[in-house]
Amino acid sequence: MADIFRDPHFQARENLILVEHPIVGRVAMPGVVPKLSATPGTVRFPGPASIGEHNREVFEGLLALRREDMDELRSAEVI
């Protein structure tokens, strides 16, 4: 594994990248594959800092649940 991190081809292709995580610091993770010239893609963040961090954004924003529905789901320990 250490050889992969040092390999010039892997580095040039950005197959492994370092991304800043708000709690643990720099994290090595896979880069975007395949690399497309018109839409190469990027990694914006390594994932949520805590479990359920985006619940409100998903449930209320994307799924349009009302706050009362969210409270009910919390009471039932669904979320």
N, C-alpha and C. Protein backbone atom coordinates (compact mmCIF):
# COMPACT_ATOMS: atom_id res chain seq x y z
N MET A 1 0.82 -1.18 0.00
CA MET A 1 0.00 0.00 0.00
C MET A 1 0.88 1.26 0.00
N ALA A 2 1.93 1.23 0.76
CA ALA A 2 2.82 2.40 0.81
C ALA A 2 3.37 2.74 -0.58
N ASP A 3 3.63 1.69 -1.40
CA ASP A 3 4.13 1.92 -2.76
C ASP A 3 3.12 2.71 -3.59
N ILE A 4 1.84 2.42 -3.41
CA ILE A 4 0.81 3.13 -4.18
C ILE A 4 0.83 4.63 -3.85
N PHE A 5 1.00 4.96 -2.58
CA PHE A 5 1.02 6.38 -2.18
C PHE A 5 2.23 7.10 -2.75
N ARG A 6 3.32 6.38 -3.02
CA ARG A 6 4.53 7.01 -3.56
C ARG A 6 4.61 6.93 -5.09
N ASP A 7 3.76 6.15 -5.70
CA ASP A 7 3.83 5.92 -7.14
C ASP A 7 3.55 7.20 -7.93
N PRO A 8 4.46 7.62 -8.83
CA PRO A 8 4.27 8.86 -9.58
C PRO A 8 3.03 8.82 -10.49
N HIS A 9 2.70 7.66 -11.03
CA HIS A 9 1.53 7.55 -11.90
C HIS A 9 0.25 7.78 -11.09
N PHE A 10 0.14 7.16 -9.92
CA PHE A 10 -1.03 7.36 -9.05
C PHE A 10 -1.14 8.83 -8.65
N GLN A 11 0.01 9.45 -8.34
CA GLN A 11 0.00 10.87 -7.95
C GLN A 11 -0.43 11.75 -9.11
N ALA A 12 0.09 11.52 -10.29
CA ALA A 12 -0.24 12.34 -11.46
C ALA A 12 -1.72 12.22 -11.81
N ARG A 13 -2.29 11.04 -11.65
CA ARG A 13 -3.71 10.82 -11.96
C ARG A 13 -4.63 11.22 -10.81
N GLU A 14 -4.04 11.60 -9.67
CA GLU A 14 -4.80 11.94 -8.46
C GLU A 14 -5.74 10.81 -8.07
N ASN A 15 -5.23 9.57 -8.16
CA ASN A 15 -6.01 8.41 -7.74
C ASN A 15 -6.19 8.39 -6.24
N LEU A 16 -5.25 8.92 -5.51
CA LEU A 16 -5.35 9.08 -4.06
C LEU A 16 -5.16 10.56 -3.75
N ILE A 17 -6.08 11.10 -2.97
CA ILE A 17 -6.02 12.53 -2.65
C ILE A 17 -6.08 12.72 -1.14
N LEU A 18 -5.64 13.87 -0.69
CA LEU A 18 -5.75 14.24 0.71
C LEU A 18 -6.83 15.30 0.84
N VAL A 19 -7.78 15.05 1.73
CA VAL A 19 -8.91 15.94 1.94
C VAL A 19 -8.97 16.30 3.42
N GLU A 20 -9.30 17.53 3.72
CA GLU A 20 -9.37 18.02 5.09
C GLU A 20 -10.72 17.63 5.72
N HIS A 21 -10.66 16.94 6.87
CA HIS A 21 -11.85 16.58 7.63
C HIS A 21 -11.89 17.47 8.87
N PRO A 22 -13.06 18.03 9.24
CA PRO A 22 -13.12 18.98 10.34
C PRO A 22 -12.73 18.42 11.70
N ILE A 23 -12.78 17.11 11.87
CA ILE A 23 -12.46 16.52 13.18
C ILE A 23 -11.11 15.82 13.18
N VAL A 24 -10.84 14.99 12.18
CA VAL A 24 -9.61 14.19 12.18
C VAL A 24 -8.47 14.79 11.39
N GLY A 25 -8.70 15.88 10.68
CA GLY A 25 -7.63 16.50 9.91
C GLY A 25 -7.55 15.94 8.51
N ARG A 26 -6.33 15.82 7.98
CA ARG A 26 -6.15 15.34 6.60
C ARG A 26 -6.42 13.84 6.52
N VAL A 27 -7.22 13.47 5.51
CA VAL A 27 -7.60 12.08 5.29
C VAL A 27 -7.27 11.70 3.86
N ALA A 28 -6.59 10.58 3.67
CA ALA A 28 -6.33 10.07 2.33
C ALA A 28 -7.54 9.27 1.87
N MET A 29 -7.96 9.54 0.64
CA MET A 29 -9.10 8.81 0.10
C MET A 29 -8.98 8.72 -1.41
N PRO A 30 -9.79 7.84 -2.04
CA PRO A 30 -9.72 7.71 -3.49
C PRO A 30 -10.15 8.99 -4.19
N GLY A 31 -9.48 9.32 -5.25
CA GLY A 31 -9.89 10.46 -6.08
C GLY A 31 -11.01 10.04 -7.02
N VAL A 32 -11.47 10.96 -7.83
CA VAL A 32 -12.55 10.69 -8.78
C VAL A 32 -12.00 9.86 -9.95
N VAL A 33 -12.66 8.75 -10.24
CA VAL A 33 -12.29 7.89 -11.36
C VAL A 33 -13.57 7.54 -12.09
N PRO A 34 -13.63 7.65 -13.38
CA PRO A 34 -12.59 8.07 -14.30
C PRO A 34 -12.50 9.58 -14.38
N LYS A 35 -11.40 10.06 -14.90
CA LYS A 35 -11.20 11.49 -15.13
C LYS A 35 -11.69 11.81 -16.54
N LEU A 36 -12.72 12.62 -16.63
CA LEU A 36 -13.26 13.01 -17.93
C LEU A 36 -12.82 14.44 -18.22
N SER A 37 -12.44 14.73 -19.45
CA SER A 37 -11.89 16.04 -19.77
C SER A 37 -12.90 17.17 -19.58
N ALA A 38 -14.14 16.99 -19.99
CA ALA A 38 -15.14 18.05 -19.87
C ALA A 38 -15.72 18.15 -18.47
N THR A 39 -15.81 17.02 -17.78
CA THR A 39 -16.38 17.00 -16.41
C THR A 39 -15.52 16.12 -15.52
N PRO A 40 -14.35 16.63 -15.09
CA PRO A 40 -13.41 15.79 -14.35
C PRO A 40 -13.87 15.41 -12.93
N GLY A 41 -14.79 16.16 -12.36
CA GLY A 41 -15.26 15.86 -11.01
C GLY A 41 -14.29 16.30 -9.94
N THR A 42 -14.81 16.51 -8.75
CA THR A 42 -13.98 16.89 -7.61
C THR A 42 -14.54 16.25 -6.35
N VAL A 43 -13.70 16.14 -5.34
CA VAL A 43 -14.14 15.72 -4.01
C VAL A 43 -14.25 16.99 -3.19
N ARG A 44 -15.45 17.31 -2.73
CA ARG A 44 -15.67 18.55 -1.99
C ARG A 44 -15.42 18.40 -0.49
N PHE A 45 -15.74 17.23 0.06
CA PHE A 45 -15.49 16.98 1.47
C PHE A 45 -15.48 15.47 1.70
N PRO A 46 -14.84 15.00 2.77
CA PRO A 46 -14.70 13.56 2.98
C PRO A 46 -15.92 12.88 3.58
N GLY A 47 -16.95 13.62 3.90
CA GLY A 47 -18.14 13.05 4.52
C GLY A 47 -18.55 13.87 5.73
N PRO A 48 -19.68 13.56 6.32
CA PRO A 48 -20.16 14.35 7.45
C PRO A 48 -19.24 14.22 8.66
N ALA A 49 -19.20 15.28 9.46
CA ALA A 49 -18.38 15.28 10.67
C ALA A 49 -19.05 14.48 11.78
N SER A 50 -20.38 14.36 11.73
CA SER A 50 -21.08 13.59 12.76
C SER A 50 -22.29 12.88 12.14
N ILE A 51 -22.73 11.83 12.77
CA ILE A 51 -23.88 11.07 12.30
C ILE A 51 -25.12 11.96 12.34
N GLY A 52 -25.85 11.98 11.25
CA GLY A 52 -27.08 12.77 11.18
C GLY A 52 -26.88 14.24 10.92
N GLU A 53 -25.68 14.64 10.60
CA GLU A 53 -25.36 16.05 10.40
C GLU A 53 -26.26 16.71 9.34
N HIS A 54 -26.65 15.96 8.33
CA HIS A 54 -27.44 16.52 7.23
C HIS A 54 -28.91 16.08 7.26
N ASN A 55 -29.36 15.54 8.39
CA ASN A 55 -30.75 15.07 8.48
C ASN A 55 -31.76 16.15 8.11
N ARG A 56 -31.63 17.32 8.71
CA ARG A 56 -32.60 18.39 8.46
C ARG A 56 -32.60 18.77 6.98
N GLU A 57 -31.41 18.94 6.41
CA GLU A 57 -31.30 19.30 5.00
C GLU A 57 -31.99 18.27 4.10
N VAL A 58 -31.81 16.98 4.42
CA VAL A 58 -32.41 15.92 3.60
C VAL A 58 -33.90 15.80 3.86
N PHE A 59 -34.28 15.64 5.13
CA PHE A 59 -35.68 15.37 5.44
C PHE A 59 -36.60 16.57 5.19
N GLU A 60 -36.19 17.74 5.65
CA GLU A 60 -37.04 18.92 5.47
C GLU A 60 -36.85 19.53 4.08
N GLY A 61 -35.60 19.57 3.60
CA GLY A 61 -35.33 20.19 2.31
C GLY A 61 -35.71 19.31 1.14
N LEU A 62 -35.03 18.16 1.01
CA LEU A 62 -35.26 17.30 -0.15
C LEU A 62 -36.58 16.54 -0.08
N LEU A 63 -36.96 16.07 1.12
CA LEU A 63 -38.19 15.28 1.24
C LEU A 63 -39.40 16.10 1.66
N ALA A 64 -39.18 17.38 1.96
CA ALA A 64 -40.26 18.31 2.32
C ALA A 64 -41.09 17.85 3.52
N LEU A 65 -40.45 17.21 4.51
CA LEU A 65 -41.16 16.86 5.74
C LEU A 65 -41.34 18.11 6.59
N ARG A 66 -42.45 18.18 7.26
CA ARG A 66 -42.70 19.31 8.17
C ARG A 66 -41.92 19.09 9.47
N ARG A 67 -41.72 20.17 10.19
CA ARG A 67 -40.99 20.09 11.46
C ARG A 67 -41.70 19.14 12.43
N GLU A 68 -43.03 19.12 12.39
CA GLU A 68 -43.79 18.21 13.27
C GLU A 68 -43.48 16.75 12.93
N ASP A 69 -43.34 16.47 11.61
CA ASP A 69 -42.99 15.11 11.19
C ASP A 69 -41.60 14.74 11.71
N MET A 70 -40.68 15.69 11.64
CA MET A 70 -39.32 15.46 12.14
C MET A 70 -39.35 15.16 13.63
N ASP A 71 -40.13 15.94 14.39
CA ASP A 71 -40.23 15.73 15.84
C ASP A 71 -40.80 14.35 16.14
N GLU A 72 -41.80 13.94 15.36
CA GLU A 72 -42.39 12.61 15.56
C GLU A 72 -41.39 11.51 15.28
N LEU A 73 -40.62 11.65 14.21
CA LEU A 73 -39.60 10.65 13.87
C LEU A 73 -38.52 10.58 14.95
N ARG A 74 -38.15 11.72 15.51
CA ARG A 74 -37.17 11.74 16.59
C ARG A 74 -37.72 11.04 17.83
N SER A 75 -39.00 11.34 18.18
CA SER A 75 -39.63 10.72 19.35
C SER A 75 -39.69 9.20 19.21
N ALA A 76 -39.92 8.74 17.99
CA ALA A 76 -39.99 7.30 17.73
C ALA A 76 -38.60 6.69 17.55
N GLU A 77 -37.55 7.50 17.70
CA GLU A 77 -36.14 7.11 17.55
C GLU A 77 -35.85 6.51 16.17
N VAL A 78 -36.56 7.03 15.15
CA VAL A 78 -36.28 6.64 13.78
C VAL A 78 -35.05 7.39 13.28
N ILE A 79 -34.98 8.66 13.69
CA ILE A 79 -33.80 9.47 13.34
C ILE A 79 -33.22 10.07 14.61
